[in-house]
């Protein structure tokens, strides 16, 4: 899994799988899902993240595993 913050486009992207993206769909305003050929979600993009989180929150990610 890869996580990328793109300050120029004001987006946060989670790449779940390295499969080829064949389709993207904005499922809610500012939330885009990327799908592979088997209709599985391989990426999630959040647009307008500066309105959703502070720079400090974006600089300090916390991961939790069960």
N, C-alpha and C. Protein backbone atom coordinates (compact mmCIF):
# COMPACT_ATOMS: atom_id res chain seq x y z
N UNK A 1 0.84 -1.17 0.00
CA UNK A 1 0.00 0.00 0.00
C UNK A 1 0.88 1.24 0.00
N UNK A 2 0.48 2.22 -0.79
CA UNK A 2 1.20 3.49 -0.82
C UNK A 2 0.23 4.61 -0.47
N UNK A 3 0.75 5.63 0.19
CA UNK A 3 -0.02 6.82 0.52
C UNK A 3 0.74 8.01 0.00
N UNK A 4 0.02 8.90 -0.70
CA UNK A 4 0.67 10.07 -1.29
C UNK A 4 -0.16 11.31 -1.01
N UNK A 5 0.50 12.36 -0.59
CA UNK A 5 -0.13 13.66 -0.46
C UNK A 5 0.42 14.53 -1.58
N UNK A 6 -0.47 15.06 -2.38
CA UNK A 6 -0.09 15.94 -3.48
C UNK A 6 -0.55 17.35 -3.12
N UNK A 7 0.40 18.16 -2.68
CA UNK A 7 0.07 19.52 -2.25
C UNK A 7 -0.40 20.38 -3.41
N UNK A 8 0.13 20.16 -4.61
CA UNK A 8 -0.28 20.96 -5.76
C UNK A 8 -1.74 20.74 -6.13
N UNK A 9 -2.19 19.50 -6.08
CA UNK A 9 -3.59 19.22 -6.42
C UNK A 9 -4.48 19.14 -5.18
N UNK A 10 -3.88 19.33 -3.99
CA UNK A 10 -4.63 19.33 -2.73
C UNK A 10 -5.39 18.01 -2.55
N UNK A 11 -4.65 16.90 -2.72
CA UNK A 11 -5.26 15.58 -2.69
C UNK A 11 -4.45 14.61 -1.84
N UNK A 12 -5.16 13.64 -1.29
CA UNK A 12 -4.56 12.52 -0.54
C UNK A 12 -4.97 11.25 -1.26
N UNK A 13 -3.98 10.39 -1.58
CA UNK A 13 -4.25 9.20 -2.37
C UNK A 13 -3.74 7.96 -1.66
N UNK A 14 -4.61 6.96 -1.55
CA UNK A 14 -4.26 5.64 -1.02
C UNK A 14 -4.27 4.66 -2.18
N UNK A 15 -3.11 4.08 -2.49
CA UNK A 15 -3.02 3.06 -3.54
C UNK A 15 -3.00 1.71 -2.85
N UNK A 16 -4.06 0.94 -3.00
CA UNK A 16 -4.21 -0.33 -2.30
C UNK A 16 -3.58 -1.50 -3.03
N UNK A 17 -3.48 -1.40 -4.35
CA UNK A 17 -3.03 -2.51 -5.18
C UNK A 17 -2.34 -1.91 -6.40
N UNK A 18 -1.39 -2.60 -6.96
CA UNK A 18 -0.67 -2.09 -8.12
C UNK A 18 -1.32 -2.48 -9.43
N UNK A 19 -2.54 -3.03 -9.37
CA UNK A 19 -3.25 -3.39 -10.60
C UNK A 19 -3.51 -2.17 -11.48
N UNK A 20 -3.71 -2.42 -12.76
CA UNK A 20 -3.95 -1.35 -13.72
C UNK A 20 -5.32 -0.72 -13.47
N UNK A 21 -5.37 0.59 -13.42
CA UNK A 21 -6.62 1.31 -13.23
C UNK A 21 -7.33 1.41 -14.58
N UNK A 22 -8.57 0.92 -14.62
CA UNK A 22 -9.33 0.97 -15.88
C UNK A 22 -10.52 1.93 -15.79
N UNK A 23 -10.89 2.32 -14.59
CA UNK A 23 -12.03 3.22 -14.42
C UNK A 23 -11.90 3.95 -13.09
N UNK A 24 -12.38 5.17 -13.07
CA UNK A 24 -12.43 5.96 -11.84
C UNK A 24 -13.83 6.52 -11.71
N UNK A 25 -14.30 6.61 -10.46
CA UNK A 25 -15.65 7.13 -10.22
C UNK A 25 -15.66 7.99 -8.97
N UNK A 26 -16.21 9.19 -9.09
CA UNK A 26 -16.38 10.06 -7.92
C UNK A 26 -17.66 9.62 -7.23
N UNK A 27 -17.51 8.93 -6.09
CA UNK A 27 -18.66 8.33 -5.41
C UNK A 27 -19.36 9.30 -4.46
N UNK A 28 -18.65 10.30 -4.02
CA UNK A 28 -19.17 11.39 -3.20
C UNK A 28 -18.36 12.62 -3.59
N UNK A 29 -18.84 13.80 -3.33
CA UNK A 29 -18.05 14.98 -3.67
C UNK A 29 -16.66 14.92 -3.05
N UNK A 30 -15.63 14.93 -3.89
CA UNK A 30 -14.26 14.91 -3.41
C UNK A 30 -13.71 13.56 -3.04
N UNK A 31 -14.44 12.47 -3.34
CA UNK A 31 -13.96 11.11 -3.05
C UNK A 31 -14.02 10.30 -4.35
N UNK A 32 -12.84 9.88 -4.83
CA UNK A 32 -12.75 9.17 -6.10
C UNK A 32 -12.20 7.77 -5.85
N UNK A 33 -12.89 6.77 -6.40
CA UNK A 33 -12.42 5.38 -6.33
C UNK A 33 -11.86 4.98 -7.68
N UNK A 34 -10.71 4.29 -7.67
CA UNK A 34 -10.11 3.74 -8.88
C UNK A 34 -10.34 2.24 -8.88
N UNK A 35 -10.77 1.71 -10.04
CA UNK A 35 -11.09 0.29 -10.16
C UNK A 35 -10.17 -0.40 -11.17
N UNK A 36 -9.91 -1.70 -10.93
CA UNK A 36 -9.14 -2.49 -11.89
C UNK A 36 -10.10 -3.21 -12.84
N UNK A 37 -9.58 -4.06 -13.70
CA UNK A 37 -10.40 -4.76 -14.70
C UNK A 37 -11.39 -5.73 -14.07
N UNK A 38 -11.15 -6.14 -12.82
CA UNK A 38 -12.06 -7.05 -12.12
C UNK A 38 -13.04 -6.30 -11.23
N UNK A 39 -13.14 -4.98 -11.42
CA UNK A 39 -14.05 -4.12 -10.67
C UNK A 39 -13.70 -4.04 -9.18
N UNK A 40 -12.45 -4.28 -8.85
CA UNK A 40 -11.98 -4.13 -7.47
C UNK A 40 -11.40 -2.74 -7.28
N UNK A 41 -11.60 -2.18 -6.10
CA UNK A 41 -11.04 -0.88 -5.78
C UNK A 41 -9.54 -1.04 -5.55
N UNK A 42 -8.74 -0.28 -6.31
CA UNK A 42 -7.29 -0.34 -6.17
C UNK A 42 -6.72 0.98 -5.66
N UNK A 43 -7.56 2.02 -5.61
CA UNK A 43 -7.10 3.31 -5.12
C UNK A 43 -8.26 4.16 -4.64
N UNK A 44 -7.97 5.02 -3.67
CA UNK A 44 -8.95 5.95 -3.13
C UNK A 44 -8.30 7.32 -3.06
N UNK A 45 -8.95 8.33 -3.63
CA UNK A 45 -8.41 9.68 -3.61
C UNK A 45 -9.39 10.62 -2.92
N UNK A 46 -8.85 11.44 -2.04
CA UNK A 46 -9.64 12.46 -1.36
C UNK A 46 -9.16 13.82 -1.87
N UNK A 47 -10.06 14.58 -2.43
CA UNK A 47 -9.74 15.90 -2.97
C UNK A 47 -10.05 16.98 -1.95
N UNK A 48 -9.37 18.09 -2.05
CA UNK A 48 -9.62 19.21 -1.14
C UNK A 48 -9.26 18.91 0.30
N UNK A 49 -8.12 18.23 0.49
CA UNK A 49 -7.77 17.81 1.84
C UNK A 49 -7.41 18.97 2.77
N UNK A 50 -7.01 20.10 2.21
CA UNK A 50 -6.67 21.23 3.08
C UNK A 50 -7.89 21.73 3.84
N UNK A 51 -9.08 21.45 3.33
CA UNK A 51 -10.31 21.82 4.03
C UNK A 51 -10.75 20.74 5.01
N UNK A 52 -10.12 19.57 4.94
CA UNK A 52 -10.51 18.44 5.78
C UNK A 52 -9.54 18.18 6.93
N UNK A 53 -8.29 18.65 6.80
CA UNK A 53 -7.28 18.38 7.82
C UNK A 53 -6.28 19.53 7.87
N UNK A 54 -5.70 19.72 9.03
CA UNK A 54 -4.67 20.76 9.18
C UNK A 54 -3.35 20.23 8.62
N UNK A 55 -2.41 21.13 8.31
CA UNK A 55 -1.09 20.68 7.85
C UNK A 55 -0.41 19.77 8.88
N UNK A 56 -0.62 20.04 10.16
CA UNK A 56 -0.03 19.21 11.22
C UNK A 56 -0.60 17.80 11.18
N UNK A 57 -1.92 17.68 10.97
CA UNK A 57 -2.53 16.36 10.90
C UNK A 57 -2.03 15.58 9.68
N UNK A 58 -1.84 16.28 8.58
CA UNK A 58 -1.35 15.61 7.37
C UNK A 58 0.11 15.21 7.49
N UNK A 59 0.87 15.92 8.30
CA UNK A 59 2.28 15.61 8.49
C UNK A 59 2.50 14.47 9.48
N UNK A 60 1.49 14.14 10.26
CA UNK A 60 1.64 13.14 11.32
C UNK A 60 0.58 12.05 11.17
N UNK A 61 0.83 11.09 10.27
CA UNK A 61 -0.09 9.98 10.08
C UNK A 61 0.08 8.97 11.21
N UNK A 62 -1.05 8.38 11.63
CA UNK A 62 -1.02 7.32 12.61
C UNK A 62 -1.65 6.08 11.98
N UNK A 63 -0.97 4.96 12.07
CA UNK A 63 -1.48 3.71 11.51
C UNK A 63 -1.88 2.79 12.64
N UNK A 64 -2.98 2.11 12.43
CA UNK A 64 -3.47 1.18 13.44
C UNK A 64 -3.72 -0.15 12.75
N UNK A 65 -3.20 -1.22 13.32
CA UNK A 65 -3.46 -2.56 12.80
C UNK A 65 -4.09 -3.38 13.90
N UNK A 66 -4.91 -4.30 13.50
CA UNK A 66 -5.61 -5.14 14.49
C UNK A 66 -4.88 -6.45 14.65
